[in-house]
Amino acid sequence: MEAFWGKPISVYTRAQALEDGTLCDLTPIAPRYGFKIPLACTSAVWHTIEWNEATEARKPDSTGQSTEGRLHDVLMMAGLAAQAAARNEPTHIVEVKVLMVPTAGSVVTPLEETFILVVSGGDNGEPVLTLMLPGED
């Protein structure tokens, strides 16, 4: 007898999302920030973090921004938010707020950016973390 819902029409795995760029693997650097399980971010998060020459050229003044520095800020704040949540009331969703210079436009004043850190099951049911923007799932 088949399961109540029947066979899935299509399955899209985390491994496929990492392979095709929908997710960006942050696992290699995650332990520096206290993460002990695989961590990835959505491509939208990566585009929020990424800083290149074209981004800098849109700004009227030098910002001193870099992808590495911005990634450090996001992962540091995500790690601290996850630790605080674990101490207070364990949850599978943590809101992370970071002050960042926006990548779009000519604004050089840091603005608050909100990220969502979610712990869920990976392709084989193992715990994994995904950093996303509000509204992504």
Protein backbone atom coordinates (compact mmCIF):
# COMPACT_ATOMS: atom_id res chain seq x y z
CA MET A 1 0.00 0.00 0.00
CA GLU A 2 1.32 3.48 -0.89
CA ALA A 3 1.73 6.24 1.65
CA PHE A 4 -1.32 8.42 2.16
CA TRP A 5 0.05 11.23 -0.04
CA GLY A 6 1.49 8.90 -2.68
CA LYS A 7 4.84 9.28 -4.37
CA PRO A 8 6.26 12.78 -4.62
CA ILE A 9 6.07 14.36 -8.06
CA SER A 10 9.46 16.01 -7.63
CA VAL A 11 12.17 16.09 -4.98
CA TYR A 12 14.71 18.91 -4.69
CA THR A 13 17.46 18.13 -2.21
CA ARG A 14 19.76 20.36 -0.21
CA ALA A 15 22.69 18.78 -2.09
CA GLN A 16 21.13 19.88 -5.38
CA ALA A 17 20.56 23.39 -4.02
CA LEU A 18 24.22 23.59 -3.00
CA GLU A 19 25.33 22.26 -6.37
CA ASP A 20 23.23 24.66 -8.46
CA GLY A 21 24.00 27.75 -6.35
CA THR A 22 20.59 28.22 -4.76
CA LEU A 23 22.42 27.65 -1.47
CA CYS A 24 26.01 28.69 -0.71
CA ASP A 25 28.00 26.36 1.57
CA LEU A 26 29.45 28.17 4.58
CA THR A 27 30.35 24.97 6.47
CA PRO A 28 34.14 25.31 6.01
CA ILE A 29 34.25 28.61 7.95
CA ALA A 30 31.26 28.03 10.26
CA PRO A 31 33.27 26.50 13.15
CA ARG A 32 35.15 29.81 13.60
CA TYR A 33 31.83 31.27 14.73
CA GLY A 34 30.74 28.42 17.00
CA PHE A 35 28.66 26.42 14.52
CA LYS A 36 29.01 22.64 14.85
CA ILE A 37 26.66 21.49 12.10
CA PRO A 38 26.58 22.24 8.34
CA LEU A 39 25.69 25.85 7.52
CA ALA A 40 24.55 27.30 4.20
CA CYS A 41 22.99 30.57 3.13
CA THR A 42 20.56 31.32 0.35
CA SER A 43 21.80 33.04 -2.78
CA ALA A 44 19.78 36.12 -1.73
CA VAL A 45 21.73 36.28 1.54
CA TRP A 46 24.99 35.86 -0.36
CA HIS A 47 24.07 38.77 -2.66
CA THR A 48 23.36 40.87 0.44
CA ILE A 49 26.82 40.04 1.82
CA GLU A 50 28.89 40.06 -1.37
CA TRP A 51 30.90 43.23 -2.02
CA ASN A 52 32.89 43.78 -5.19
CA GLU A 53 34.45 46.58 -7.24
CA ALA A 54 31.16 47.36 -8.99
CA THR A 55 29.40 47.69 -5.63
CA GLU A 56 32.12 50.00 -4.34
CA ALA A 57 32.00 52.08 -7.54
CA ARG A 58 28.32 52.92 -6.89
CA LYS A 59 29.24 54.61 -3.61
CA PRO A 60 30.26 58.29 -3.52
CA ASP A 61 32.88 57.62 -0.82
CA SER A 62 35.20 54.73 -0.04
CA THR A 63 33.46 52.35 2.35
CA GLY A 64 36.21 49.93 3.37
CA GLN A 65 33.72 47.11 2.83
CA SER A 66 34.72 43.61 1.72
CA THR A 67 32.90 40.34 1.27
CA GLU A 68 35.13 38.73 3.90
CA GLY A 69 34.43 41.44 6.48
CA ARG A 70 30.70 41.46 5.82
CA LEU A 71 30.56 37.65 6.03
CA HIS A 72 32.46 37.81 9.32
CA ASP A 73 29.93 40.32 10.71
CA VAL A 74 26.93 38.23 9.65
CA LEU A 75 28.32 34.93 10.95
CA MET A 76 29.52 36.49 14.21
CA MET A 77 26.08 37.96 14.88
CA ALA A 78 24.36 34.73 13.80
CA GLY A 79 26.55 32.73 16.17
CA LEU A 80 25.83 35.08 19.06
CA ALA A 81 22.09 35.08 18.32
CA ALA A 82 22.03 31.27 18.17
CA GLN A 83 23.89 31.00 21.49
CA ALA A 84 21.53 33.48 23.15
CA ALA A 85 18.48 31.64 21.82
CA ALA A 86 19.82 28.31 23.08
CA ARG A 87 20.32 29.77 26.58
CA ASN A 88 16.90 31.38 26.75
CA GLU A 89 14.32 29.28 24.97
CA PRO A 90 15.54 26.73 22.43
CA THR A 91 13.94 27.29 19.05
CA HIS A 92 14.56 26.22 15.47
CA ILE A 93 14.29 29.78 14.10
CA VAL A 94 16.52 32.68 15.21
CA GLU A 95 16.32 36.27 14.00
CA VAL A 96 19.71 37.87 13.33
CA LYS A 97 20.14 41.63 12.94
CA VAL A 98 23.29 43.16 11.45
CA LEU A 99 24.18 46.76 10.59
CA MET A 100 25.46 46.78 7.00
CA VAL A 101 26.11 49.28 4.24
CA PRO A 102 23.50 48.40 1.58
CA THR A 103 24.89 46.90 -1.62
CA ALA A 104 22.35 48.74 -3.78
CA GLY A 105 22.42 52.45 -4.50
CA SER A 106 24.79 55.12 -3.25
CA VAL A 107 23.99 54.90 0.48
CA VAL A 108 27.11 54.53 2.66
CA THR A 109 25.38 54.69 6.06
CA PRO A 110 24.93 51.24 7.62
CA LEU A 111 21.32 50.10 7.87
CA GLU A 112 19.86 47.23 9.86
CA GLU A 113 19.55 44.03 7.82
CA THR A 114 17.54 41.10 9.16
CA PHE A 115 18.45 37.48 8.52
CA ILE A 116 16.74 34.30 9.68
CA LEU A 117 18.77 31.30 10.90
CA VAL A 118 16.83 28.03 10.69
CA VAL A 119 17.82 24.59 11.92
CA SER A 120 16.10 21.79 10.03
CA GLY A 121 16.68 18.31 8.68
CA GLY A 122 19.12 17.76 5.83
CA ASP A 123 18.72 15.27 3.00
CA ASN A 124 19.23 12.36 5.40
CA GLY A 125 17.50 13.87 8.42
CA GLU A 126 20.72 15.22 9.93
CA PRO A 127 20.58 18.68 11.54
CA VAL A 128 21.61 21.53 9.22
CA LEU A 129 21.48 25.31 9.41
CA THR A 130 20.28 27.68 6.72
CA LEU A 131 20.68 31.45 6.83
CA MET A 132 17.99 33.22 4.80
CA LEU A 133 16.22 36.51 4.37
CA PRO A 134 12.76 37.05 5.90
CA GLY A 135 10.12 35.61 3.60
CA GLU A 136 12.39 32.91 2.17
CA ASP A 137 11.72 29.30 3.05
